[in-house]
Amino acid sequence: MDKIGLVNRIYDATIAIESGRKGFATKGKAEEGRISYEDGITLASITFAQAQASANPEIIILAEFTFLSQELHFCEPTDNHTLSSLTQAIQSFDDAFLAIKSVVEPDYKISDNIFPHNGKYRISGYPKDAFHIACIAHRTRLQNILRSPGIDPIEKALLMQRFNNLSTAQNAYVEMQMKVLCL
């Protein structure tokens, strides 16, 4: 999957979603807003599904990172809780990108010695590093959003797609860990 195309489609989707949300709140623009919102959700859903189909942890995380970055860009400056949550998520995905780069290096083997072998610090027997921590934390964040009342069903479907992508990314990442740690 083309990374630049993926990022561009996520940008386009988030812009359409945000434009639609603003249209809902503008008198006489509700129908245009609904169309823009639905178009954005559809494009995002398709793009996240394509990312998941790639089974490439970097692509999946890039899609989520890009979406979060755009949400942060559109966030109201006075919404401190959302700003904090999005900033933390983006920072954890920054660390996840570093983990992806590291897991393919032979030196990653040392991580098996520096992470505790207790099950709570392991995923399928492999170290729960920054990548896993980012996915777990963001899945929790998405679950909390999904529990909110009044979420539009099409947005709920997008949130579920994003939630499922993180499991796919983690499974693929475990495969990467297995390759380097079982050599």
Protein backbone atom coordinates (compact mmCIF):
# COMPACT_ATOMS: atom_id res chain seq x y z
CA MET A 1 0.00 0.00 0.00
CA ASP A 2 1.29 3.43 -0.96
CA LYS A 3 2.02 5.41 2.23
CA ILE A 4 1.58 8.83 0.62
CA GLY A 5 -1.76 7.82 -0.90
CA LEU A 6 -2.88 6.44 2.45
CA VAL A 7 -1.98 9.66 4.26
CA ASN A 8 -3.72 11.76 1.60
CA ARG A 9 -6.91 9.70 1.80
CA ILE A 10 -6.94 9.98 5.61
CA TYR A 11 -6.44 13.76 5.34
CA ASP A 12 -9.28 14.02 2.83
CA ALA A 13 -11.53 11.87 5.01
CA THR A 14 -10.91 13.85 8.20
CA ILE A 15 -11.43 17.16 6.40
CA ALA A 16 -14.76 15.92 5.01
CA ILE A 17 -15.82 14.60 8.43
CA GLU A 18 -14.94 17.89 10.15
CA SER A 19 -16.59 19.94 7.41
CA GLY A 20 -19.70 17.80 7.82
CA ARG A 21 -19.77 18.27 11.57
CA LYS A 22 -19.56 22.03 11.11
CA GLY A 23 -22.31 21.85 8.49
CA PHE A 24 -24.62 20.13 10.99
CA ALA A 25 -24.27 23.14 13.27
CA THR A 26 -24.90 25.74 10.54
CA LYS A 27 -28.46 26.73 9.79
CA GLY A 28 -29.41 25.66 6.27
CA LYS A 29 -26.28 23.53 5.81
CA ALA A 30 -27.40 20.36 7.61
CA GLU A 31 -27.97 18.33 4.42
CA GLU A 32 -24.63 19.39 2.90
CA GLY A 33 -22.99 18.67 6.23
CA ARG A 34 -24.52 15.19 6.39
CA ILE A 35 -23.30 14.38 2.88
CA SER A 36 -19.77 15.60 3.63
CA TYR A 37 -19.73 13.73 6.95
CA GLU A 38 -20.90 10.47 5.37
CA ASP A 39 -18.45 10.82 2.47
CA GLY A 40 -15.60 11.35 4.94
CA ILE A 41 -16.61 8.39 7.11
CA THR A 42 -16.91 6.19 4.01
CA LEU A 43 -13.48 7.21 2.71
CA ALA A 44 -11.93 6.69 6.15
CA SER A 45 -13.58 3.27 6.52
CA ILE A 46 -12.34 2.13 3.12
CA THR A 47 -8.84 3.41 3.82
CA PHE A 48 -8.64 1.80 7.26
CA ALA A 49 -9.92 -1.49 5.78
CA GLN A 50 -7.19 -1.32 3.12
CA ALA A 51 -4.60 -0.64 5.82
CA GLN A 52 -5.84 -3.65 7.78
CA ALA A 53 -5.77 -5.83 4.65
CA SER A 54 -2.09 -4.94 4.19
CA ALA A 55 -1.37 -6.65 7.56
CA ASN A 56 1.59 -4.26 7.78
CA PRO A 57 1.90 -2.83 11.30
CA GLU A 58 3.62 0.31 10.03
CA ILE A 59 0.82 1.04 7.52
CA ILE A 60 -1.90 0.42 10.11
CA ILE A 61 -0.21 2.66 12.68
CA LEU A 62 0.47 5.32 10.05
CA ALA A 63 -3.24 5.44 9.21
CA GLU A 64 -4.19 5.80 12.87
CA PHE A 65 -1.41 8.33 13.57
CA THR A 66 -2.52 10.46 10.61
CA PHE A 67 -6.17 10.34 11.67
CA LEU A 68 -5.27 11.34 15.23
CA SER A 69 -3.01 14.16 14.00
CA GLN A 70 -5.89 15.56 11.97
CA GLU A 71 -8.30 15.23 14.90
CA LEU A 72 -5.80 17.16 17.02
CA HIS A 73 -5.59 19.83 14.31
CA PHE A 74 -9.39 20.26 14.34
CA CYS A 75 -9.75 20.08 18.12
CA GLU A 76 -11.04 23.15 19.92
CA PRO A 77 -8.20 24.85 21.85
CA THR A 78 -10.35 24.91 25.00
CA ASP A 79 -11.04 21.14 24.95
CA ASN A 80 -8.20 20.25 27.33
CA HIS A 81 -9.22 16.62 27.91
CA THR A 82 -9.36 15.80 24.21
CA LEU A 83 -6.16 17.71 23.49
CA SER A 84 -4.37 15.79 26.23
CA SER A 85 -5.71 12.42 25.10
CA LEU A 86 -4.85 13.00 21.44
CA THR A 87 -1.38 14.31 22.30
CA GLN A 88 -0.66 11.25 24.45
CA ALA A 89 -1.88 8.92 21.70
CA ILE A 90 0.27 10.62 19.08
CA GLN A 91 3.32 10.44 21.35
CA SER A 92 2.74 6.74 22.01
CA PHE A 93 2.51 6.09 18.26
CA ASP A 94 5.78 8.01 17.79
CA ASP A 95 7.33 5.44 20.13
CA ALA A 96 5.58 2.62 18.23
CA PHE A 97 7.22 3.77 14.98
CA LEU A 98 10.61 3.53 16.71
CA ALA A 99 9.76 0.02 17.90
CA ILE A 100 8.84 -1.03 14.35
CA LYS A 101 12.22 0.16 13.12
CA SER A 102 13.98 -1.65 15.98
CA VAL A 103 12.19 -4.99 15.79
CA VAL A 104 13.81 -5.87 12.45
CA GLU A 105 17.33 -5.31 13.78
CA PRO A 106 19.28 -8.28 15.18
CA ASP A 107 20.09 -6.16 18.26
CA TYR A 108 16.38 -6.31 19.16
CA LYS A 109 17.15 -9.74 20.67
CA ILE A 110 18.43 -7.98 23.77
CA SER A 111 14.88 -6.78 24.46
CA ASP A 112 13.98 -10.33 25.36
CA ASN A 113 16.40 -9.98 28.27
CA ILE A 114 15.44 -6.49 29.42
CA PHE A 115 11.65 -6.95 29.50
CA PRO A 116 10.37 -9.01 32.44
CA HIS A 117 9.22 -12.52 31.56
CA ASN A 118 6.10 -12.18 33.70
CA GLY A 119 2.98 -12.60 31.52
CA LYS A 120 1.73 -9.09 32.16
CA TYR A 121 4.81 -7.74 30.36
CA ARG A 122 4.45 -10.13 27.42
CA ILE A 123 2.17 -10.53 24.42
CA SER A 124 2.08 -14.12 23.13
CA GLY A 125 5.34 -14.64 25.00
CA TYR A 126 7.13 -11.69 23.38
CA PRO A 127 8.13 -8.37 25.01
CA LYS A 128 5.32 -5.85 25.46
CA ASP A 129 7.31 -2.94 24.05
CA ALA A 130 6.27 0.56 22.93
CA PHE A 131 4.36 -0.80 19.94
CA HIS A 132 2.13 -3.04 22.05
CA ILE A 133 1.67 -0.37 24.70
CA ALA A 134 0.53 2.16 22.08
CA CYS A 135 -1.96 -0.31 20.57
CA ILE A 136 -3.36 -1.36 23.94
CA ALA A 137 -3.77 2.22 25.16
CA HIS A 138 -5.39 3.35 21.94
CA ARG A 139 -7.76 0.38 21.86
CA THR A 140 -8.90 1.41 25.34
CA ARG A 141 -9.35 4.99 24.12
CA LEU A 142 -11.48 3.78 21.19
CA GLN A 143 -13.54 1.51 23.48
CA ASN A 144 -14.31 4.48 25.70
CA ILE A 145 -15.47 6.50 22.69
CA LEU A 146 -17.61 3.57 21.51
CA ARG A 147 -19.36 3.52 24.90
CA SER A 148 -20.44 7.14 24.51
CA PRO A 149 -24.16 7.53 23.87
CA GLY A 150 -25.43 9.10 20.68
CA ILE A 151 -22.63 8.09 18.32
CA ASP A 152 -23.82 7.92 14.74
CA PRO A 153 -23.93 4.27 13.53
CA ILE A 154 -21.61 4.96 10.58
CA GLU A 155 -19.07 6.60 12.89
CA LYS A 156 -19.40 3.65 15.27
CA ALA A 157 -18.55 1.32 12.36
CA LEU A 158 -15.45 3.41 11.62
CA LEU A 159 -14.41 3.28 15.28
CA MET A 160 -14.84 -0.52 15.25
CA GLN A 161 -12.71 -0.75 12.09
CA ARG A 162 -9.98 1.29 13.74
CA PHE A 163 -10.26 -0.84 16.91
CA ASN A 164 -9.92 -4.06 14.89
CA ASN A 165 -6.97 -2.66 12.94
CA LEU A 166 -4.97 -2.41 16.15
CA SER A 167 -5.38 -6.13 16.83
CA THR A 168 -4.27 -6.91 13.28
CA ALA A 169 -1.27 -4.64 13.71
CA GLN A 170 -0.31 -6.31 16.99
CA ASN A 171 -0.60 -9.80 15.51
CA ALA A 172 1.62 -8.83 12.59
CA TYR A 173 4.05 -7.17 14.97
CA VAL A 174 4.26 -10.36 17.06
CA GLU A 175 5.24 -12.15 13.84
CA MET A 176 8.03 -9.60 13.39
CA GLN A 177 9.16 -10.12 16.98
CA MET A 178 9.06 -13.88 16.49
CA LYS A 179 11.32 -13.67 13.43
CA VAL A 180 14.05 -11.74 15.20
CA LEU A 181 13.79 -13.37 18.64
CA CYS A 182 13.63 -16.96 17.43
CA LEU A 183 16.71 -16.79 15.20
